[in-house]
PDB file of N, CA and C in Angstrom:
ATOM      1  N   UNK A   1      14.007   6.382   2.035  1.00  0.00           N
ATOM      2  CA  UNK A   1      12.638   7.159   1.368  1.00  0.00           C
ATOM      3  C   UNK A   1      11.409   6.112   1.840  1.00  0.00           C
ATOM      4  N   UNK A   2      10.428   6.955   2.236  1.00  0.00           N
ATOM      5  CA  UNK A   2       9.210   6.421   2.773  1.00  0.00           C
ATOM      6  C   UNK A   2       7.808   6.578   1.918  1.00  0.00           C
ATOM      7  N   UNK A   3       7.273   5.377   1.886  1.00  0.00           N
ATOM      8  CA  UNK A   3       5.633   5.770   1.045  1.00  0.00           C
ATOM      9  C   UNK A   3       4.738   5.399   1.710  1.00  0.00           C
ATOM     10  N   UNK A   4       3.596   6.098   1.242  1.00  0.00           N
ATOM     11  CA  UNK A   4       2.504   5.455   1.861  1.00  0.00           C
ATOM     12  C   UNK A   4       1.350   4.476   1.060  1.00  0.00           C
ATOM     13  N   UNK A   5       0.976   3.600   1.457  1.00  0.00           N
ATOM     14  CA  UNK A   5       0.240   2.886   0.690  1.00  0.00           C
ATOM     15  C   UNK A   5      -1.099   2.745   0.936  1.00  0.00           C
ATOM     16  N   UNK A   6      -2.146   2.915   0.134  1.00  0.00           N
ATOM     17  CA  UNK A   6      -3.568   3.071   0.754  1.00  0.00           C
ATOM     18  C   UNK A   6      -4.276   1.536  -0.039  1.00  0.00           C
ATOM     19  N   UNK A   7      -4.913   1.045   0.718  1.00  0.00           N
ATOM     20  CA  UNK A   7      -6.004  -0.002   0.090  1.00  0.00           C
ATOM     21  C   UNK A   7      -7.057   0.091   0.679  1.00  0.00           C
ATOM     22  N   UNK A   8      -8.243   0.139  -0.224  1.00  0.00           N
ATOM     23  CA  UNK A   8      -9.738   0.098  -0.152  1.00  0.00           C
ATOM     24  C   UNK A   8     -10.483  -0.924  -1.286  1.00  0.00           C
ATOM     25  N   UNK A   9     -11.625  -1.283  -0.657  1.00  0.00           N
ATOM     26  CA  UNK A   9     -12.572  -2.032  -1.554  1.00  0.00           C
ATOM     27  C   UNK A   9     -13.306  -2.892  -0.477  1.00  0.00           C
ATOM     28  N   UNK A  10     -14.179  -3.676  -1.066  1.00  0.00           N
ATOM     29  CA  UNK A  10     -14.721  -4.823  -0.262  1.00  0.00           C
ATOM     30  C   UNK A  10     -14.029  -5.744   0.605  1.00  0.00           C
ATOM     31  N   UNK A  11     -14.455  -6.007   1.907  1.00  0.00           N
ATOM     32  CA  UNK A  11     -13.647  -6.787   2.780  1.00  0.00           C
ATOM     33  C   UNK A  11     -13.729  -8.358   2.398  1.00  0.00           C
ATOM     34  N   UNK A  12     -12.624  -8.902   2.529  1.00  0.00           N
ATOM     35  CA  UNK A  12     -12.222 -10.231   2.350  1.00  0.00           C
ATOM     36  C   UNK A  12     -11.368 -10.800   3.300  1.00  0.00           C
ATOM     37  N   UNK A  13     -11.221 -12.094   3.321  1.00  0.00           N
ATOM     38  CA  UNK A  13      -9.939 -12.690   4.077  1.00  0.00           C
ATOM     39  C   UNK A  13      -8.660 -12.651   3.367  1.00  0.00           C
ATOM     40  N   UNK A  14      -7.651 -12.280   4.056  1.00  0.00           N
ATOM     41  CA  UNK A  14      -6.192 -12.313   3.539  1.00  0.00           C
ATOM     42  C   UNK A  14      -5.771 -11.103   2.801  1.00  0.00           C
ATOM     43  N   UNK A  15      -6.436  -9.632   3.042  1.00  0.00           N
ATOM     44  CA  UNK A  15      -5.929  -8.447   2.632  1.00  0.00           C
ATOM     45  C   UNK A  15      -4.585  -7.994   2.911  1.00  0.00           C
ATOM     46  N   UNK A  16      -4.652  -8.184   4.224  1.00  0.00           N
ATOM     47  CA  UNK A  16      -3.395  -7.578   5.013  1.00  0.00           C
ATOM     48  C   UNK A  16      -2.186  -8.455   4.618  1.00  0.00           C
ATOM     49  N   UNK A  17      -2.302  -9.758   4.660  1.00  0.00           N
ATOM     50  CA  UNK A  17      -1.395 -10.908   4.401  1.00  0.00           C
ATOM     51  C   UNK A  17      -1.026 -10.520   2.940  1.00  0.00           C
ATOM     52  N   UNK A  18      -1.824 -10.385   1.815  1.00  0.00           N
ATOM     53  CA  UNK A  18      -1.360 -10.437   0.734  1.00  0.00           C
ATOM     54  C   UNK A  18      -0.316  -9.109   0.288  1.00  0.00           C
ATOM     55  N   UNK A  19      -1.019  -7.880   0.921  1.00  0.00           N
ATOM     56  CA  UNK A  19      -0.382  -6.875   0.685  1.00  0.00           C
ATOM     57  C   UNK A  19       1.140  -6.804   1.288  1.00  0.00           C
ATOM     58  N   UNK A  20       1.101  -7.080   2.601  1.00  0.00           N
ATOM     59  CA  UNK A  20       2.070  -7.085   3.089  1.00  0.00           C
ATOM     60  C   UNK A  20       3.421  -8.120   2.991  1.00  0.00           C
ATOM     61  N   UNK A  21       2.818  -9.162   2.355  1.00  0.00           N
ATOM     62  CA  UNK A  21       3.802 -10.097   1.936  1.00  0.00           C
ATOM     63  C   UNK A  21       4.314  -9.524   0.391  1.00  0.00           C
ATOM     64  N   UNK A  22       3.567  -9.031  -0.272  1.00  0.00           N
ATOM     65  CA  UNK A  22       4.009  -8.496  -1.494  1.00  0.00           C
ATOM     66  C   UNK A  22       5.103  -7.358  -1.178  1.00  0.00           C
ATOM     67  N   UNK A  23       4.854  -6.324  -0.498  1.00  0.00           N
ATOM     68  CA  UNK A  23       5.773  -5.380  -0.172  1.00  0.00           C
ATOM     69  C   UNK A  23       6.955  -5.891   0.246  1.00  0.00           C
ATOM     70  N   UNK A  24       6.904  -6.795   1.308  1.00  0.00           N
ATOM     71  CA  UNK A  24       8.338  -7.509   1.729  1.00  0.00           C
ATOM     72  C   UNK A  24       9.151  -8.201   0.718  1.00  0.00           C
ATOM     73  N   UNK A  25       8.397  -8.602  -0.180  1.00  0.00           N
ATOM     74  CA  UNK A  25       8.897  -9.446  -1.340  1.00  0.00           C
ATOM     75  C   UNK A  25       9.732  -8.470  -2.195  1.00  0.00           C
ATOM     76  N   UNK A  26       9.302  -7.221  -2.313  1.00  0.00           N
ATOM     77  CA  UNK A  26       9.737  -6.032  -2.844  1.00  0.00           C
ATOM     78  C   UNK A  26      10.864  -5.268  -2.189  1.00  0.00           C
ATOM     79  N   UNK A  27      11.080  -5.694  -0.926  1.00  0.00           N
ATOM     80  CA  UNK A  27      12.169  -5.014  -0.071  1.00  0.00           C
ATOM     81  C   UNK A  27      11.912  -4.081   0.925  1.00  0.00           C
ATOM     82  N   UNK A  28      10.418  -3.834   0.959  1.00  0.00           N
ATOM     83  CA  UNK A  28       9.831  -2.838   1.838  1.00  0.00           C
ATOM     84  C   UNK A  28       9.486  -3.230   3.114  1.00  0.00           C
ATOM     85  N   UNK A  29       9.946  -2.181   4.126  1.00  0.00           N
ATOM     86  CA  UNK A  29       9.656  -2.543   5.522  1.00  0.00           C
ATOM     87  C   UNK A  29       8.206  -1.694   5.897  1.00  0.00           C
ATOM     88  N   UNK A  30       7.260  -2.223   6.320  1.00  0.00           N
ATOM     89  CA  UNK A  30       6.148  -1.587   6.998  1.00  0.00           C
ATOM     90  C   UNK A  30       6.382  -1.158   8.548  1.00  0.00           C
ATOM     91  N   UNK A  31       6.411   0.269   8.523  1.00  0.00           N
ATOM     92  CA  UNK A  31       6.541   1.010   9.610  1.00  0.00           C
ATOM     93  C   UNK A  31       5.407   1.103  10.490  1.00  0.00           C
ATOM     94  N   UNK A  32       4.252   1.321   9.577  1.00  0.00           N
ATOM     95  CA  UNK A  32       3.103   1.753  10.941  1.00  0.00           C
ATOM     96  C   UNK A  32       1.917   1.128   9.849  1.00  0.00           C
ATOM     97  N   UNK A  33       0.726   0.948  10.289  1.00  0.00           N
ATOM     98  CA  UNK A  33      -0.475   0.322   9.554  1.00  0.00           C
ATOM     99  C   UNK A  33      -1.750   0.666  10.634  1.00  0.00           C
ATOM    100  N   UNK A  34      -2.688   1.118   9.555  1.00  0.00           N
ATOM    101  CA  UNK A  34      -3.805   1.214  10.390  1.00  0.00           C
ATOM    102  C   UNK A  34      -4.783   0.603   9.284  1.00  0.00           C
ATOM    103  N   UNK A  35      -5.824   0.099   9.806  1.00  0.00           N
ATOM    104  CA  UNK A  35      -6.894  -0.442   9.150  1.00  0.00           C
ATOM    105  C   UNK A  35      -8.417  -0.625   9.822  1.00  0.00           C
ATOM    106  N   UNK A  36      -9.232  -0.589   9.023  1.00  0.00           N
ATOM    107  CA  UNK A  36     -10.830  -0.279   9.520  1.00  0.00           C
ATOM    108  C   UNK A  36     -11.703  -1.232   8.726  1.00  0.00           C
ATOM    109  N   UNK A  37     -12.852  -1.699   9.264  1.00  0.00           N
ATOM    110  CA  UNK A  37     -13.551  -2.239   8.422  1.00  0.00           C
ATOM    111  C   UNK A  37     -14.974  -1.396   8.602  1.00  0.00           C
ATOM    112  N   UNK A  38     -15.532  -1.053   7.823  1.00  0.00           N
ATOM    113  CA  UNK A  38     -16.875  -0.168   7.443  1.00  0.00           C
ATOM    114  C   UNK A  38     -17.638  -0.688   6.932  1.00  0.00           C
ATOM    115  N   UNK A  39     -18.658  -1.340   7.865  1.00  0.00           N
ATOM    116  CA  UNK A  39     -19.686  -2.108   6.899  1.00  0.00           C
ATOM    117  C   UNK A  39     -19.109  -3.413   6.323  1.00  0.00           C
ATOM    118  N   UNK A  40     -19.113  -3.492   5.067  1.00  0.00           N
ATOM    119  CA  UNK A  40     -18.630  -4.554   4.009  1.00  0.00           C
ATOM    120  C   UNK A  40     -17.215  -3.920   3.544  1.00  0.00           C
ATOM    121  N   UNK A  41     -17.012  -2.556   3.847  1.00  0.00           N
ATOM    122  CA  UNK A  41     -15.797  -2.075   2.998  1.00  0.00           C
ATOM    123  C   UNK A  41     -14.474  -2.178   4.129  1.00  0.00           C
ATOM    124  N   UNK A  42     -13.346  -2.305   3.433  1.00  0.00           N
ATOM    125  CA  UNK A  42     -11.977  -2.302   4.018  1.00  0.00           C
ATOM    126  C   UNK A  42     -11.246  -1.000   3.717  1.00  0.00           C
ATOM    127  N   UNK A  43     -10.529  -0.649   4.559  1.00  0.00           N
ATOM    128  CA  UNK A  43      -9.842   0.491   4.296  1.00  0.00           C
ATOM    129  C   UNK A  43      -8.164   0.397   5.064  1.00  0.00           C
ATOM    130  N   UNK A  44      -7.357   0.628   4.480  1.00  0.00           N
ATOM    131  CA  UNK A  44      -5.955   0.448   5.100  1.00  0.00           C
ATOM    132  C   UNK A  44      -5.149   1.511   4.773  1.00  0.00           C
ATOM    133  N   UNK A  45      -4.242   1.925   5.387  1.00  0.00           N
ATOM    134  CA  UNK A  45      -3.045   3.135   5.112  1.00  0.00           C
ATOM    135  C   UNK A  45      -1.737   2.335   5.898  1.00  0.00           C
ATOM    136  N   UNK A  46      -0.699   2.196   5.061  1.00  0.00           N
ATOM    137  CA  UNK A  46       0.698   1.884   5.709  1.00  0.00           C
ATOM    138  C   UNK A  46       1.629   2.884   5.313  1.00  0.00           C
ATOM    139  N   UNK A  47       2.740   2.788   6.206  1.00  0.00           N
ATOM    140  CA  UNK A  47       3.763   3.446   5.858  1.00  0.00           C
ATOM    141  C   UNK A  47       4.825   2.672   5.766  1.00  0.00           C
ATOM    142  N   UNK A  48       5.453   2.726   4.655  1.00  0.00           N
ATOM    143  CA  UNK A  48       6.545   1.992   4.386  1.00  0.00           C
ATOM    144  C   UNK A  48       7.888   2.521   4.093  1.00  0.00           C
ATOM    145  N   UNK A  49       9.103   2.089   4.273  1.00  0.00           N
ATOM    146  CA  UNK A  49      10.385   2.497   4.500  1.00  0.00           C
ATOM    147  C   UNK A  49      10.740   1.628   3.175  1.00  0.00           C
ATOM    148  N   UNK A  50      11.149   2.386   1.936  1.00  0.00           N
ATOM    149  CA  UNK A  50      11.478   1.862   0.550  1.00  0.00           C
ATOM    150  C   UNK A  50      12.836   1.944   0.396  1.00  0.00           C
ATOM    151  N   UNK A  51      13.806   2.333   1.635  1.00  0.00           N
ATOM    152  CA  UNK A  51      15.109   2.416   1.362  1.00  0.00           C
ATOM    153  C   UNK A  51      15.833   1.178   0.883  1.00  0.00           C
ATOM    154  N   UNK A  52      15.309   0.097   0.933  1.00  0.00           N
ATOM    155  CA  UNK A  52      16.148  -1.050   0.505  1.00  0.00           C
ATOM    156  C   UNK A  52      15.222  -2.043  -0.673  1.00  0.00           C
ATOM    157  N   UNK A  53      14.200  -0.979  -1.309  1.00  0.00           N
ATOM    158  CA  UNK A  53      13.794  -1.916  -2.352  1.00  0.00           C
ATOM    159  C   UNK A  53      14.493  -2.350  -3.324  1.00  0.00           C
ATOM    160  N   UNK A  54      13.661  -3.365  -3.685  1.00  0.00           N
ATOM    161  CA  UNK A  54      14.815  -4.169  -4.998  1.00  0.00           C
ATOM    162  C   UNK A  54      14.439  -3.825  -6.464  1.00  0.00           C
ATOM    163  N   UNK A  55      13.460  -2.883  -6.574  1.00  0.00           N
ATOM    164  CA  UNK A  55      12.970  -2.471  -7.876  1.00  0.00           C
ATOM    165  C   UNK A  55      12.836  -1.032  -7.674  1.00  0.00           C
ATOM    166  N   UNK A  56      12.916  -0.106  -9.019  1.00  0.00           N
ATOM    167  CA  UNK A  56      12.584   1.083  -8.885  1.00  0.00           C
ATOM    168  C   UNK A  56      11.037   1.354  -8.384  1.00  0.00           C
ATOM    169  N   UNK A  57      10.815   2.604  -7.843  1.00  0.00           N
ATOM    170  CA  UNK A  57       9.594   2.854  -6.913  1.00  0.00           C
ATOM    171  C   UNK A  57       8.461   2.870  -7.959  1.00  0.00           C
ATOM    172  N   UNK A  58       8.813   3.290  -9.291  1.00  0.00           N
ATOM    173  CA  UNK A  58       7.591   3.526 -10.178  1.00  0.00           C
ATOM    174  C   UNK A  58       7.331   2.046 -10.847  1.00  0.00           C
ATOM    175  N   UNK A  59       7.841   1.444 -10.615  1.00  0.00           N
ATOM    176  CA  UNK A  59       7.666  -0.182 -10.862  1.00  0.00           C
ATOM    177  C   UNK A  59       6.833  -0.720 -10.054  1.00  0.00           C
ATOM    178  N   UNK A  60       7.489  -0.497  -8.888  1.00  0.00           N
ATOM    179  CA  UNK A  60       6.797  -1.199  -7.313  1.00  0.00           C
ATOM    180  C   UNK A  60       5.073  -0.790  -7.501  1.00  0.00           C
ATOM    181  N   UNK A  61       4.960   0.794  -7.504  1.00  0.00           N
ATOM    182  CA  UNK A  61       3.783   1.092  -7.510  1.00  0.00           C
ATOM    183  C   UNK A  61       2.951   0.785  -8.844  1.00  0.00           C
ATOM    184  N   UNK A  62       3.340   0.450  -9.664  1.00  0.00           N
ATOM    185  CA  UNK A  62       2.472  -0.153 -10.992  1.00  0.00           C
ATOM    186  C   UNK A  62       2.123  -1.529 -10.556  1.00  0.00           C
ATOM    187  N   UNK A  63       3.254  -2.461  -9.984  1.00  0.00           N
ATOM    188  CA  UNK A  63       2.918  -3.711  -9.284  1.00  0.00           C
ATOM    189  C   UNK A  63       1.859  -3.772  -8.446  1.00  0.00           C
ATOM    190  N   UNK A  64       1.722  -2.852  -7.499  1.00  0.00           N
ATOM    191  CA  UNK A  64       0.838  -2.509  -6.545  1.00  0.00           C
ATOM    192  C   UNK A  64      -0.708  -2.516  -7.025  1.00  0.00           C
ATOM    193  N   UNK A  65      -0.811  -1.611  -7.893  1.00  0.00           N
ATOM    194  CA  UNK A  65      -1.849  -1.399  -8.702  1.00  0.00           C
ATOM    195  C   UNK A  65      -2.452  -2.583  -9.230  1.00  0.00           C
ATOM    196  N   UNK A  66      -1.586  -3.356  -9.973  1.00  0.00           N
ATOM    197  CA  UNK A  66      -1.939  -4.802 -10.541  1.00  0.00           C
ATOM    198  C   UNK A  66      -2.200  -5.903  -9.567  1.00  0.00           C
ATOM    199  N   UNK A  67      -1.389  -6.010  -8.278  1.00  0.00           N
ATOM    200  CA  UNK A  67      -1.934  -6.703  -7.475  1.00  0.00           C
ATOM    201  C   UNK A  67      -3.500  -6.133  -6.774  1.00  0.00           C
ATOM    202  N   UNK A  68      -3.319  -5.252  -6.850  1.00  0.00           N
ATOM    203  CA  UNK A  68      -4.863  -4.586  -6.454  1.00  0.00           C
ATOM    204  C   UNK A  68      -5.994  -4.995  -7.376  1.00  0.00           C
ATOM    205  N   UNK A  69      -5.836  -4.881  -8.603  1.00  0.00           N
ATOM    206  CA  UNK A  69      -6.641  -5.755  -9.577  1.00  0.00           C
ATOM    207  C   UNK A  69      -6.906  -7.186  -9.532  1.00  0.00           C
ATOM    208  N   UNK A  70      -5.915  -7.720  -9.170  1.00  0.00           N
ATOM    209  CA  UNK A  70      -5.980  -9.334  -8.982  1.00  0.00           C
ATOM    210  C   UNK A  70      -6.868  -9.425  -7.839  1.00  0.00           C
ATOM    211  N   UNK A  71      -6.627  -8.761  -6.693  1.00  0.00           N
ATOM    212  CA  UNK A  71      -7.603  -9.234  -5.340  1.00  0.00           C
ATOM    213  C   UNK A  71      -8.747  -8.432  -5.439  1.00  0.00           C
ATOM    214  N   UNK A  72      -9.194  -7.584  -6.136  1.00  0.00           N
ATOM    215  CA  UNK A  72     -10.399  -6.888  -6.262  1.00  0.00           C
ATOM    216  C   UNK A  72     -10.565  -5.437  -5.314  1.00  0.00           C
ATOM    217  N   UNK A  73      -8.835  -5.136  -5.206  1.00  0.00           N
ATOM    218  CA  UNK A  73      -9.009  -3.935  -4.195  1.00  0.00           C
ATOM    219  C   UNK A  73      -8.317  -2.663  -5.146  1.00  0.00           C
ATOM    220  N   UNK A  74      -8.606  -1.446  -4.407  1.00  0.00           N
ATOM    221  CA  UNK A  74      -7.583  -0.461  -5.019  1.00  0.00           C
ATOM    222  C   UNK A  74      -6.522  -0.163  -4.164  1.00  0.00           C
ATOM    223  N   UNK A  75      -5.175  -0.384  -4.779  1.00  0.00           N
ATOM    224  CA  UNK A  75      -4.012  -0.245  -4.088  1.00  0.00           C
ATOM    225  C   UNK A  75      -3.093   0.675  -4.788  1.00  0.00           C
ATOM    226  N   UNK A  76      -2.922   1.945  -3.965  1.00  0.00           N
ATOM    227  CA  UNK A  76      -1.749   3.156  -4.475  1.00  0.00           C
ATOM    228  C   UNK A  76      -0.769   3.195  -3.530  1.00  0.00           C
ATOM    229  N   UNK A  77       0.259   3.250  -4.149  1.00  0.00           N
ATOM    230  CA  UNK A  77       1.892   3.675  -3.299  1.00  0.00           C
ATOM    231  C   UNK A  77       2.077   5.062  -4.101  1.00  0.00           C
ATOM    232  N   UNK A  78       2.375   5.640  -2.855  1.00  0.00           N
ATOM    233  CA  UNK A  78       2.755   7.197  -3.188  1.00  0.00           C
ATOM    234  C   UNK A  78       4.124   7.470  -2.442  1.00  0.00           C
ATOM    235  N   UNK A  79       4.788   8.410  -2.741  1.00  0.00           N
ATOM    236  CA  UNK A  79       5.988   8.822  -2.158  1.00  0.00           C
ATOM    237  C   UNK A  79       5.473   9.744  -1.004  1.00  0.00           C
ATOM    238  N   UNK A  80       6.174   9.586   0.043  1.00  0.00           N
ATOM    239  CA  UNK A  80       5.460  10.231   1.380  1.00  0.00           C
ATOM    240  C   UNK A  80       5.516  11.812   0.919  1.00  0.00           C
ATOM    241  N   UNK A  81       6.551  12.407   0.355  1.00  0.00           N
ATOM    242  CA  UNK A  81       6.488  13.701   0.167  1.00  0.00           C
ATOM    243  C   UNK A  81       5.259  14.119  -0.872  1.00  0.00           C
ATOM    244  N   UNK A  82       4.867  13.412  -1.599  1.00  0.00           N
ATOM    245  CA  UNK A  82       4.038  13.843  -2.592  1.00  0.00           C
ATOM    246  C   UNK A  82       2.601  13.634  -1.828  1.00  0.00           C
ATOM    247  N   UNK A  83       2.237  12.424  -1.241  1.00  0.00           N
ATOM    248  CA  UNK A  83       1.169  12.269  -0.331  1.00  0.00           C
ATOM    249  C   UNK A  83       0.849  13.421   0.634  1.00  0.00           C
ATOM    250  N   UNK A  84       2.219  13.883   1.490  1.00  0.00           N
ATOM    251  CA  UNK A  84       1.922  15.103   2.203  1.00  0.00           C
ATOM    252  C   UNK A  84       1.453  16.411   1.499  1.00  0.00           C
ATOM    253  N   UNK A  85       2.180  16.495   0.432  1.00  0.00           N
ATOM    254  CA  UNK A  85       1.648  17.720  -0.442  1.00  0.00           C
ATOM    255  C   UNK A  85       0.473  17.750  -0.725  1.00  0.00           C
ATOM    256  N   UNK A  86      -0.151  16.726  -1.032  1.00  0.00           N
ATOM    257  CA  UNK A  86      -1.510  16.788  -1.600  1.00  0.00           C
ATOM    258  C   UNK A  86      -2.441  16.991  -0.537  1.00  0.00           C
ATOM    259  N   UNK A  87      -2.065  16.623   0.638  1.00  0.00           N
ATOM    260  CA  UNK A  87      -3.008  16.951   1.759  1.00  0.00           C
ATOM    261  C   UNK A  87      -2.456  18.065   2.685  1.00  0.00           C
ATOM    262  N   UNK A  88      -1.758  19.037   2.273  1.00  0.00           N
ATOM    263  CA  UNK A  88      -1.362  20.031   3.188  1.00  0.00           C
ATOM    264  C   UNK A  88      -1.949  21.413   2.522  1.00  0.00           C
ATOM    265  N   UNK A  89      -3.084  21.499   1.864  1.00  0.00           N
ATOM    266  CA  UNK A  89      -3.740  22.647   1.388  1.00  0.00           C
ATOM    267  C   UNK A  89      -4.580  23.342   2.462  1.00  0.00           C
TER     268      UNK A  89
END
């Protein structure tokens, strides 16, 4: 199963390292990543393989949101199918 991870907020050092390290600890494998900085804002989207995740998807999604709060970013983890359905209108 694959997931889409979105990260947005004010730019600062270490965002990619924190998020990718967190996902690696949870057993996720980042398959693709795109990030950009627009002025003072950071935006990133990742595709992650969650097939070897060490916890339930909902637990990891909640932990991503919590990590986002800790580092001052918005982090959302969504199942790829749900992400695609939301964007296929």
